[in-house]
Amino acid sequence: MALGKGRLEAFSDGVIAIIITIMVLEMKVPHGETLEALKPLIPVFLSYLLSFVYVGIYWNNHHHTLQAVRSVNGKILWANLHLLFWLSLIPFVTGWMGETHLTQWPVFFYGVVLIMNGIAYRILALMLIKHHGEDSLITKAFGNDFKGKISVALYAVAILCTWLNPVISVVIYVVVAGTWFIPDKRFERLLES
């Protein structure tokens, strides 16, 4: 049974807004009045910045994706909730990673959350493609999703790199975010035609 997509979009937007709010509330005000008091907060802020970019990327791509579909079904609703579950863990791992100044286990679990977000997004895409058919706009927009597949592979590499040096992992997370920060034109091109 096909359902309207409006409630899914509204609910997702609300959850993502709450995720960003939780992340910013986790940043504690320094107890000193000098610039030196800000120094311990640098890893916290950098973790927040990276996660804000990731949540923004998911919101942006989610918005574009849903512009290319007409309707949803129960499986799509559950796939979307699966994605929102993993997105909702970003504030936790962000706070942990920032508070511990990018140590091994927090950076490892940050990567686990990122890879699960990537997998969850792929599952949502596959459910949308299945629902709309092989000749649909959504299928054409995703294509072979090379960038999505490479991202998941790079997250896996980054997770393994936490055993060598967590900073290498964070650099890989930044590189992946950078590739997605450049707007994805696949959907815009198809929606304009």
N, C-alpha and C. Protein backbone atom coordinates (compact mmCIF):
# COMPACT_ATOMS: atom_id res chain seq x y z
N MET A 1 0.84 -1.19 0.00
CA MET A 1 0.00 0.00 0.00
C MET A 1 0.88 1.24 0.00
N ALA A 2 0.63 2.16 -0.89
CA ALA A 2 1.40 3.40 -0.98
C ALA A 2 0.84 4.43 -0.01
N LEU A 3 1.73 5.11 0.67
CA LEU A 3 1.37 6.16 1.62
C LEU A 3 2.02 7.46 1.19
N GLY A 4 1.46 8.58 1.64
CA GLY A 4 2.07 9.86 1.37
C GLY A 4 3.42 9.97 2.08
N LYS A 5 4.32 10.77 1.53
CA LYS A 5 5.66 10.89 2.10
C LYS A 5 5.79 12.05 3.08
N GLY A 6 4.77 12.89 3.19
CA GLY A 6 4.83 14.10 3.99
C GLY A 6 5.16 13.88 5.46
N ARG A 7 4.48 12.89 6.05
CA ARG A 7 4.73 12.65 7.49
C ARG A 7 6.13 12.12 7.73
N LEU A 8 6.62 11.28 6.83
CA LEU A 8 7.98 10.75 6.95
C LEU A 8 8.98 11.91 6.88
N GLU A 9 8.78 12.83 5.95
CA GLU A 9 9.67 13.99 5.84
C GLU A 9 9.62 14.85 7.09
N ALA A 10 8.43 15.14 7.57
CA ALA A 10 8.27 16.01 8.74
C ALA A 10 8.89 15.37 9.99
N PHE A 11 8.62 14.09 10.18
CA PHE A 11 9.16 13.40 11.34
C PHE A 11 10.69 13.36 11.28
N SER A 12 11.22 13.04 10.11
CA SER A 12 12.68 12.98 9.94
C SER A 12 13.31 14.34 10.19
N ASP A 13 12.72 15.39 9.65
CA ASP A 13 13.25 16.74 9.88
C ASP A 13 13.26 17.08 11.37
N GLY A 14 12.19 16.70 12.06
CA GLY A 14 12.12 16.97 13.50
C GLY A 14 13.19 16.21 14.29
N VAL A 15 13.37 14.95 13.96
CA VAL A 15 14.39 14.15 14.66
C VAL A 15 15.77 14.72 14.39
N ILE A 16 16.05 15.07 13.16
CA ILE A 16 17.37 15.61 12.83
C ILE A 16 17.60 16.95 13.54
N ALA A 17 16.58 17.78 13.64
CA ALA A 17 16.71 19.04 14.38
C ALA A 17 17.02 18.78 15.85
N ILE A 18 16.38 17.79 16.42
CA ILE A 18 16.64 17.44 17.82
C ILE A 18 18.06 16.92 17.98
N ILE A 19 18.54 16.12 17.05
CA ILE A 19 19.90 15.58 17.10
C ILE A 19 20.91 16.73 17.14
N ILE A 20 20.73 17.72 16.28
CA ILE A 20 21.64 18.87 16.27
C ILE A 20 21.55 19.64 17.58
N THR A 21 20.35 19.79 18.09
CA THR A 21 20.17 20.51 19.37
C THR A 21 20.88 19.78 20.50
N ILE A 22 20.73 18.47 20.56
CA ILE A 22 21.41 17.69 21.60
C ILE A 22 22.91 17.85 21.49
N MET A 23 23.43 17.82 20.28
CA MET A 23 24.89 17.95 20.10
C MET A 23 25.40 19.28 20.63
N VAL A 24 24.71 20.35 20.32
CA VAL A 24 25.19 21.67 20.77
C VAL A 24 25.04 21.82 22.28
N LEU A 25 24.01 21.20 22.86
CA LEU A 25 23.83 21.28 24.31
C LEU A 25 24.90 20.50 25.07
N GLU A 26 25.53 19.55 24.39
CA GLU A 26 26.61 18.78 25.01
C GLU A 26 27.89 19.60 25.16
N MET A 27 28.00 20.69 24.41
CA MET A 27 29.19 21.54 24.53
C MET A 27 29.04 22.41 25.77
N LYS A 28 29.91 22.20 26.74
CA LYS A 28 29.83 22.91 28.02
C LYS A 28 30.56 24.23 27.95
N VAL A 29 30.03 25.19 28.64
CA VAL A 29 30.65 26.51 28.73
C VAL A 29 31.90 26.40 29.59
N PRO A 30 33.01 27.04 29.15
CA PRO A 30 34.24 26.96 29.96
C PRO A 30 34.06 27.68 31.30
N HIS A 31 34.84 27.26 32.29
CA HIS A 31 34.73 27.85 33.63
C HIS A 31 35.62 29.07 33.81
N GLY A 32 36.47 29.33 32.87
CA GLY A 32 37.35 30.49 32.97
C GLY A 32 36.92 31.58 32.02
N GLU A 33 37.54 32.73 32.18
CA GLU A 33 37.18 33.87 31.33
C GLU A 33 38.25 34.22 30.30
N THR A 34 39.32 33.46 30.30
CA THR A 34 40.41 33.72 29.36
C THR A 34 40.30 32.81 28.14
N LEU A 35 41.06 33.16 27.12
CA LEU A 35 41.11 32.29 25.94
C LEU A 35 41.71 30.94 26.28
N GLU A 36 42.57 30.89 27.26
CA GLU A 36 43.18 29.63 27.70
C GLU A 36 42.11 28.64 28.18
N ALA A 37 41.01 29.15 28.71
CA ALA A 37 39.92 28.29 29.19
C ALA A 37 39.23 27.57 28.03
N LEU A 38 39.36 28.10 26.82
CA LEU A 38 38.76 27.47 25.65
C LEU A 38 39.60 26.31 25.11
N LYS A 39 40.88 26.30 25.44
CA LYS A 39 41.80 25.31 24.87
C LYS A 39 41.33 23.86 25.06
N PRO A 40 40.88 23.46 26.26
CA PRO A 40 40.42 22.07 26.41
C PRO A 40 39.17 21.74 25.60
N LEU A 41 38.47 22.78 25.15
CA LEU A 41 37.23 22.56 24.39
C LEU A 41 37.48 22.40 22.89
N ILE A 42 38.71 22.57 22.45
CA ILE A 42 38.99 22.46 21.01
C ILE A 42 38.60 21.09 20.46
N PRO A 43 39.00 19.97 21.09
CA PRO A 43 38.57 18.67 20.54
C PRO A 43 37.05 18.49 20.59
N VAL A 44 36.41 19.04 21.60
CA VAL A 44 34.96 18.96 21.72
C VAL A 44 34.31 19.71 20.56
N PHE A 45 34.80 20.92 20.31
CA PHE A 45 34.25 21.73 19.22
C PHE A 45 34.51 21.08 17.87
N LEU A 46 35.72 20.56 17.65
CA LEU A 46 36.04 19.92 16.37
C LEU A 46 35.18 18.68 16.15
N SER A 47 34.94 17.91 17.21
CA SER A 47 34.04 16.74 17.10
C SER A 47 32.63 17.19 16.76
N TYR A 48 32.18 18.26 17.41
CA TYR A 48 30.86 18.81 17.12
C TYR A 48 30.77 19.28 15.67
N LEU A 49 31.78 19.99 15.22
CA LEU A 49 31.79 20.51 13.85
C LEU A 49 31.70 19.37 12.83
N LEU A 50 32.51 18.34 13.02
CA LEU A 50 32.48 17.19 12.12
C LEU A 50 31.10 16.53 12.13
N SER A 51 30.55 16.33 13.30
CA SER A 51 29.24 15.68 13.40
C SER A 51 28.13 16.56 12.85
N PHE A 52 28.23 17.86 13.07
CA PHE A 52 27.24 18.78 12.51
C PHE A 52 27.24 18.66 10.99
N VAL A 53 28.42 18.61 10.40
CA VAL A 53 28.54 18.46 8.94
C VAL A 53 27.91 17.13 8.51
N TYR A 54 28.21 16.05 9.24
CA TYR A 54 27.63 14.75 8.87
C TYR A 54 26.11 14.76 8.96
N VAL A 55 25.57 15.29 10.04
CA VAL A 55 24.11 15.34 10.17
C VAL A 55 23.52 16.22 9.07
N GLY A 56 24.19 17.32 8.77
CA GLY A 56 23.73 18.17 7.68
C GLY A 56 23.75 17.47 6.34
N ILE A 57 24.77 16.68 6.10
CA ILE A 57 24.87 15.91 4.86
C ILE A 57 23.71 14.92 4.76
N TYR A 58 23.44 14.22 5.86
CA TYR A 58 22.33 13.26 5.83
C TYR A 58 21.00 13.96 5.64
N TRP A 59 20.82 15.11 6.29
CA TRP A 59 19.56 15.84 6.12
C TRP A 59 19.41 16.29 4.67
N ASN A 60 20.48 16.86 4.12
CA ASN A 60 20.46 17.34 2.74
C ASN A 60 20.15 16.20 1.76
N ASN A 61 20.87 15.09 1.90
CA ASN A 61 20.66 13.96 0.99
C ASN A 61 19.28 13.33 1.18
N HIS A 62 18.82 13.27 2.42
CA HIS A 62 17.49 12.74 2.71
C HIS A 62 16.44 13.60 2.02
N HIS A 63 16.61 14.90 2.11
CA HIS A 63 15.68 15.84 1.47
C HIS A 63 15.66 15.63 -0.05
N HIS A 64 16.85 15.56 -0.66
CA HIS A 64 16.93 15.34 -2.10
C HIS A 64 16.32 13.99 -2.49
N THR A 65 16.62 12.97 -1.71
CA THR A 65 16.10 11.64 -2.01
C THR A 65 14.57 11.65 -2.02
N LEU A 66 13.98 12.25 -1.01
CA LEU A 66 12.52 12.22 -0.92
C LEU A 66 11.85 13.11 -1.96
N GLN A 67 12.58 14.04 -2.56
CA GLN A 67 12.02 14.83 -3.66
C GLN A 67 11.85 13.97 -4.91
N ALA A 68 12.59 12.88 -4.96
CA ALA A 68 12.56 12.02 -6.15
C ALA A 68 11.57 10.87 -6.01
N VAL A 69 10.79 10.84 -4.93
CA VAL A 69 9.82 9.76 -4.75
C VAL A 69 8.41 10.33 -4.64
N ARG A 70 7.45 9.49 -5.00
CA ARG A 70 6.05 9.90 -4.94
C ARG A 70 5.37 9.46 -3.65
N SER A 71 5.76 8.27 -3.18
CA SER A 71 5.07 7.70 -2.03
C SER A 71 6.02 6.79 -1.26
N VAL A 72 5.55 6.31 -0.13
CA VAL A 72 6.32 5.38 0.70
C VAL A 72 5.41 4.22 1.11
N ASN A 73 6.01 3.21 1.74
CA ASN A 73 5.22 2.11 2.28
C ASN A 73 5.76 1.76 3.67
N GLY A 74 5.21 0.73 4.28
CA GLY A 74 5.63 0.35 5.62
C GLY A 74 7.11 -0.01 5.73
N LYS A 75 7.63 -0.72 4.73
CA LYS A 75 9.05 -1.09 4.76
C LYS A 75 9.94 0.16 4.69
N ILE A 76 9.52 1.13 3.91
CA ILE A 76 10.29 2.38 3.81
C ILE A 76 10.24 3.13 5.14
N LEU A 77 9.08 3.14 5.78
CA LEU A 77 8.98 3.80 7.09
C LEU A 77 9.94 3.17 8.09
N TRP A 78 10.01 1.83 8.11
CA TRP A 78 10.93 1.15 9.02
C TRP A 78 12.39 1.39 8.64
N ALA A 79 12.68 1.40 7.35
CA ALA A 79 14.05 1.69 6.90
C ALA A 79 14.46 3.10 7.30
N ASN A 80 13.52 4.03 7.22
CA ASN A 80 13.80 5.41 7.62
C ASN A 80 14.04 5.49 9.13
N LEU A 81 13.24 4.77 9.91
CA LEU A 81 13.45 4.74 11.36
C LEU A 81 14.81 4.12 11.70
N HIS A 82 15.20 3.13 10.94
CA HIS A 82 16.52 2.50 11.13
C HIS A 82 17.61 3.55 10.93
N LEU A 83 17.50 4.35 9.88
CA LEU A 83 18.46 5.43 9.64
C LEU A 83 18.43 6.43 10.79
N LEU A 84 17.25 6.83 11.21
CA LEU A 84 17.14 7.82 12.29
C LEU A 84 17.72 7.28 13.60
N PHE A 85 17.60 5.98 13.83
CA PHE A 85 18.20 5.39 15.03
C PHE A 85 19.71 5.63 15.03
N TRP A 86 20.37 5.30 13.92
CA TRP A 86 21.82 5.47 13.86
C TRP A 86 22.22 6.93 13.89
N LEU A 87 21.43 7.78 13.24
CA LEU A 87 21.72 9.22 13.32
C LEU A 87 21.59 9.72 14.76
N SER A 88 20.63 9.17 15.50
CA SER A 88 20.42 9.63 16.88
C SER A 88 21.57 9.25 17.81
N LEU A 89 22.43 8.33 17.41
CA LEU A 89 23.59 7.97 18.22
C LEU A 89 24.79 8.91 17.98
N ILE A 90 24.70 9.74 16.96
CA ILE A 90 25.80 10.66 16.67
C ILE A 90 26.11 11.59 17.85
N PRO A 91 25.13 12.18 18.53
CA PRO A 91 25.49 13.04 19.66
C PRO A 91 26.27 12.31 20.76
N PHE A 92 25.92 11.06 21.02
CA PHE A 92 26.61 10.30 22.05
C PHE A 92 28.08 10.08 21.69
N VAL A 93 28.33 9.56 20.49
CA VAL A 93 29.72 9.28 20.11
C VAL A 93 30.50 10.57 19.88
N THR A 94 29.81 11.62 19.46
CA THR A 94 30.47 12.92 19.29
C THR A 94 30.97 13.43 20.63
N GLY A 95 30.09 13.41 21.62
CA GLY A 95 30.47 13.87 22.96
C GLY A 95 31.59 13.05 23.55
N TRP A 96 31.50 11.73 23.38
CA TRP A 96 32.53 10.83 23.93
C TRP A 96 33.88 11.09 23.25
N MET A 97 33.85 11.22 21.93
CA MET A 97 35.08 11.44 21.19
C MET A 97 35.72 12.78 21.57
N GLY A 98 34.91 13.81 21.69
CA GLY A 98 35.43 15.13 22.04
C GLY A 98 35.96 15.20 23.47
N GLU A 99 35.22 14.62 24.39
CA GLU A 99 35.62 14.65 25.80
C GLU A 99 36.90 13.88 26.07
N THR A 100 37.15 12.85 25.29
CA THR A 100 38.34 12.02 25.50
C THR A 100 39.50 12.42 24.58
N HIS A 101 39.30 13.52 23.85
CA HIS A 101 40.35 14.06 22.98
C HIS A 101 40.82 13.06 21.92
N LEU A 102 39.84 12.46 21.26
CA LEU A 102 40.09 11.60 20.09
C LEU A 102 40.90 10.35 20.44
N THR A 103 40.53 9.67 21.51
CA THR A 103 41.21 8.43 21.87
C THR A 103 40.60 7.24 21.12
N GLN A 104 41.26 6.10 21.24
CA GLN A 104 40.97 4.93 20.41
C GLN A 104 39.51 4.47 20.42
N TRP A 105 38.98 4.10 21.56
CA TRP A 105 37.64 3.51 21.59
C TRP A 105 36.54 4.48 21.16
N PRO A 106 36.56 5.73 21.62
CA PRO A 106 35.54 6.65 21.13
C PRO A 106 35.61 6.87 19.61
N VAL A 107 36.82 6.99 19.07
CA VAL A 107 36.97 7.17 17.62
C VAL A 107 36.52 5.91 16.88
N PHE A 108 36.80 4.74 17.46
CA PHE A 108 36.35 3.47 16.90
C PHE A 108 34.82 3.44 16.81
N PHE A 109 34.16 3.76 17.92
CA PHE A 109 32.70 3.70 17.93
C PHE A 109 32.06 4.82 17.12
N TYR A 110 32.75 5.94 16.99
CA TYR A 110 32.28 6.99 16.08
C TYR A 110 32.22 6.42 14.67
N GLY A 111 33.26 5.69 14.29
CA GLY A 111 33.29 5.04 12.97
C GLY A 111 32.21 4.00 12.81
N VAL A 112 31.95 3.24 13.87
CA VAL A 112 30.88 2.23 13.82
C VAL A 112 29.54 2.92 13.56
N VAL A 113 29.29 4.02 14.24
CA VAL A 113 28.04 4.75 14.02
C VAL A 113 27.98 5.31 12.60
N LEU A 114 29.11 5.83 12.10
CA LEU A 114 29.12 6.35 10.73
C LEU A 114 28.87 5.25 9.70
N ILE A 115 29.51 4.10 9.87
CA ILE A 115 29.31 3.02 8.91
C ILE A 115 27.87 2.50 8.96
N MET A 116 27.30 2.45 10.15
CA MET A 116 25.92 1.99 10.27
C MET A 116 24.95 3.01 9.66
N ASN A 117 25.28 4.31 9.76
CA ASN A 117 24.47 5.31 9.08
C ASN A 117 24.52 5.12 7.57
N GLY A 118 25.72 4.86 7.05
CA GLY A 118 25.87 4.62 5.62
C GLY A 118 25.09 3.40 5.16
N ILE A 119 25.17 2.34 5.93
CA ILE A 119 24.43 1.11 5.59
C ILE A 119 22.93 1.35 5.68
N ALA A 120 22.50 2.05 6.72
CA ALA A 120 21.07 2.33 6.90
C ALA A 120 20.53 3.20 5.76
N TYR A 121 21.34 4.16 5.32
CA TYR A 121 20.91 5.00 4.20
C TYR A 121 20.79 4.17 2.92
N ARG A 122 21.71 3.25 2.75
CA ARG A 122 21.67 2.37 1.57
C ARG A 122 20.43 1.48 1.60
N ILE A 123 20.09 0.97 2.78
CA ILE A 123 18.87 0.15 2.92
C ILE A 123 17.65 0.98 2.57
N LEU A 124 17.60 2.23 3.06
CA LEU A 124 16.47 3.11 2.73
C LEU A 124 16.39 3.32 1.22
N ALA A 125 17.54 3.57 0.60
CA ALA A 125 17.57 3.76 -0.86
C ALA A 125 17.05 2.52 -1.58
N LEU A 126 17.48 1.35 -1.16
CA LEU A 126 17.04 0.11 -1.81
C LEU A 126 15.54 -0.11 -1.65
N MET A 127 14.99 0.23 -0.48
CA MET A 127 13.55 0.11 -0.26
C MET A 127 12.78 1.08 -1.17
N LEU A 128 13.32 2.29 -1.31
CA LEU A 128 12.67 3.27 -2.20
C LEU A 128 12.73 2.82 -3.66
N ILE A 129 13.87 2.29 -4.06
CA ILE A 129 14.03 1.79 -5.43
C ILE A 129 13.08 0.63 -5.68
N LYS A 130 12.99 -0.29 -4.76
CA LYS A 130 12.10 -1.44 -4.91
C LYS A 130 10.64 -0.98 -5.01
N HIS A 131 10.28 0.00 -4.21
CA HIS A 131 8.90 0.49 -4.19
C HIS A 131 8.53 1.22 -5.48
N HIS A 132 9.47 1.96 -6.05
CA HIS A 132 9.18 2.78 -7.22
C HIS A 132 9.55 2.12 -8.55
N GLY A 133 10.34 1.06 -8.52
CA GLY A 133 10.65 0.33 -9.74
C GLY A 133 11.97 0.74 -10.38
N GLU A 134 12.45 -0.13 -11.25
CA GLU A 134 13.76 0.05 -11.88
C GLU A 134 13.82 1.22 -12.86
N ASP A 135 12.69 1.65 -13.36
CA ASP A 135 12.68 2.76 -14.33
C ASP A 135 12.34 4.10 -13.67
N SER A 136 12.31 4.13 -12.37
CA SER A 136 11.88 5.33 -11.65
C SER A 136 12.98 6.38 -11.55
N LEU A 137 12.56 7.57 -11.21
CA LEU A 137 13.48 8.69 -11.02
C LEU A 137 14.47 8.39 -9.90
N ILE A 138 14.00 7.78 -8.81
CA ILE A 138 14.88 7.48 -7.68
C ILE A 138 15.96 6.48 -8.08
N THR A 139 15.61 5.50 -8.89
CA THR A 139 16.58 4.52 -9.36
C THR A 139 17.64 5.18 -10.23
N LYS A 140 17.20 6.04 -11.12
CA LYS A 140 18.15 6.76 -11.97
C LYS A 140 19.05 7.68 -11.15
N ALA A 141 18.47 8.33 -10.15
CA ALA A 141 19.25 9.26 -9.33
C ALA A 141 20.35 8.54 -8.55
N PHE A 142 20.03 7.41 -7.97
CA PHE A 142 21.05 6.67 -7.20
C PHE A 142 22.08 6.01 -8.11
N GLY A 143 21.65 5.57 -9.27
CA GLY A 143 22.59 4.90 -10.16
C GLY A 143 23.26 3.74 -9.45
N ASN A 144 24.57 3.62 -9.60
CA ASN A 144 25.27 2.54 -8.90
C ASN A 144 25.72 2.96 -7.50
N ASP A 145 25.49 4.21 -7.13
CA ASP A 145 25.81 4.77 -5.81
C ASP A 145 27.27 4.51 -5.42
N PHE A 146 28.17 4.77 -6.35
CA PHE A 146 29.60 4.56 -6.13
C PHE A 146 30.09 5.32 -4.90
N LYS A 147 29.68 6.56 -4.79
CA LYS A 147 30.14 7.39 -3.67
C LYS A 147 29.68 6.82 -2.33
N GLY A 148 28.46 6.31 -2.29
CA GLY A 148 27.96 5.71 -1.06
C GLY A 148 28.71 4.44 -0.69
N LYS A 149 29.01 3.62 -1.68
CA LYS A 149 29.74 2.37 -1.43
C LYS A 149 31.18 2.65 -0.99
N ILE A 150 31.82 3.61 -1.64
CA ILE A 150 33.20 3.98 -1.26
C ILE A 150 33.23 4.55 0.15
N SER A 151 32.21 5.33 0.50
CA SER A 151 32.15 5.91 1.85
C SER A 151 32.12 4.82 2.91
N VAL A 152 31.27 3.83 2.71
CA VAL A 152 31.19 2.73 3.68
C VAL A 152 32.52 1.99 3.76
N ALA A 153 33.16 1.77 2.63
CA ALA A 153 34.47 1.10 2.62
C ALA A 153 35.50 1.94 3.37
N LEU A 154 35.49 3.26 3.17
CA LEU A 154 36.44 4.12 3.88
C LEU A 154 36.17 4.16 5.38
N TYR A 155 34.90 4.10 5.78
CA TYR A 155 34.59 4.01 7.21
C TYR A 155 35.19 2.74 7.80
N ALA A 156 35.09 1.63 7.06
CA ALA A 156 35.67 0.37 7.54
C ALA A 156 37.18 0.49 7.70
N VAL A 157 37.83 1.12 6.73
CA VAL A 157 39.28 1.34 6.82
C VAL A 157 39.60 2.21 8.03
N ALA A 158 38.81 3.26 8.22
CA ALA A 158 39.04 4.17 9.35
C ALA A 158 38.87 3.45 10.68
N ILE A 159 37.88 2.58 10.76
CA ILE A 159 37.66 1.82 12.01
C ILE A 159 38.89 0.97 12.30
N LEU A 160 39.42 0.31 11.28
CA LEU A 160 40.62 -0.51 11.47
C LEU A 160 41.83 0.35 11.85
N CYS A 161 41.89 1.56 11.31
CA CYS A 161 43.02 2.46 11.60
C CYS A 161 43.04 2.95 13.05
N THR A 162 41.92 2.82 13.77
CA THR A 162 41.94 3.26 15.17
C THR A 162 42.96 2.47 15.97
N TRP A 163 43.31 1.26 15.53
CA TRP A 163 44.30 0.45 16.23
C TRP A 163 45.71 0.96 15.96
N LEU A 164 45.90 1.67 14.84
CA LEU A 164 47.21 2.27 14.54
C LEU A 164 47.33 3.64 15.18
N ASN A 165 46.38 4.51 14.83
CA ASN A 165 46.37 5.86 15.35
C ASN A 165 44.98 6.46 15.11
N PRO A 166 44.25 6.80 16.16
CA PRO A 166 42.89 7.33 15.99
C PRO A 166 42.84 8.60 15.14
N VAL A 167 43.92 9.37 15.13
CA VAL A 167 43.92 10.60 14.33
C VAL A 167 43.81 10.28 12.84
N ILE A 168 44.42 9.18 12.40
CA ILE A 168 44.29 8.74 11.01
C ILE A 168 42.81 8.49 10.70
N SER A 169 42.13 7.84 11.62
CA SER A 169 40.71 7.55 11.44
C SER A 169 39.91 8.84 11.30
N VAL A 170 40.19 9.81 12.16
CA VAL A 170 39.46 11.08 12.11
C VAL A 170 39.72 11.79 10.78
N VAL A 171 40.94 11.72 10.30
CA VAL A 171 41.26 12.32 8.99
C VAL A 171 40.42 11.65 7.90
N ILE A 172 40.29 10.33 7.95
CA ILE A 172 39.46 9.63 6.95
C ILE A 172 38.00 10.05 7.08
N TYR A 173 37.50 10.20 8.31
CA TYR A 173 36.12 10.67 8.50
C TYR A 173 35.93 12.06 7.89
N VAL A 174 36.93 12.92 8.06
CA VAL A 174 36.87 14.27 7.49
C VAL A 174 36.89 14.21 5.96
N VAL A 175 37.72 13.34 5.40
CA VAL A 175 37.80 13.20 3.94
C VAL A 175 36.46 12.74 3.38
N VAL A 176 35.85 11.76 4.01
CA VAL A 176 34.55 11.27 3.52
C VAL A 176 33.51 12.39 3.62
N ALA A 177 33.49 13.09 4.73
CA ALA A 177 32.54 14.21 4.87
C ALA A 177 32.79 15.25 3.78
N GLY A 178 34.06 15.49 3.49
CA GLY A 178 34.40 16.47 2.45
C GLY A 178 33.87 16.08 1.08
N THR A 179 33.89 14.78 0.79
CA THR A 179 33.36 14.35 -0.52
C THR A 179 31.86 14.53 -0.61
N TRP A 180 31.17 14.44 0.52
CA TRP A 180 29.72 14.61 0.53
C TRP A 180 29.31 16.06 0.74
N PHE A 181 30.23 16.86 1.27
CA PHE A 181 29.92 18.26 1.52
C PHE A 181 29.65 19.00 0.21
N ILE A 182 30.34 18.58 -0.83
CA ILE A 182 30.07 19.11 -2.16
C ILE A 182 28.71 18.57 -2.57
N PRO A 183 27.75 19.43 -2.86
CA PRO A 183 26.38 18.95 -3.11
C PRO A 183 26.32 17.87 -4.20
N ASP A 184 25.48 16.87 -3.94
CA ASP A 184 25.28 15.75 -4.87
C ASP A 184 24.32 16.20 -5.97
N LYS A 185 24.82 16.31 -7.16
CA LYS A 185 24.03 16.84 -8.29
C LYS A 185 23.14 15.79 -8.95
N ARG A 186 23.28 14.52 -8.58
CA ARG A 186 22.49 13.48 -9.26
C ARG A 186 21.00 13.78 -9.18
N PHE A 187 20.53 14.13 -8.00
CA PHE A 187 19.11 14.34 -7.81
C PHE A 187 18.66 15.66 -8.44
N GLU A 188 19.46 16.71 -8.25
CA GLU A 188 19.08 18.01 -8.79
C GLU A 188 18.97 17.98 -10.31
N ARG A 189 19.92 17.32 -10.96
CA ARG A 189 19.87 17.22 -12.43
C ARG A 189 18.59 16.52 -12.89
N LEU A 190 18.26 15.41 -12.24
CA LEU A 190 17.07 14.65 -12.66
C LEU A 190 15.78 15.38 -12.33
N LEU A 191 15.76 16.07 -11.19
CA LEU A 191 14.55 16.76 -10.79
C LEU A 191 14.28 17.98 -11.67
N GLU A 192 15.35 18.58 -12.21
CA GLU A 192 15.19 19.76 -13.07
C GLU A 192 14.76 19.37 -14.48
N SER A 193 15.06 18.15 -14.89
CA SER A 193 14.73 17.76 -16.27
C SER A 193 13.29 17.32 -16.42
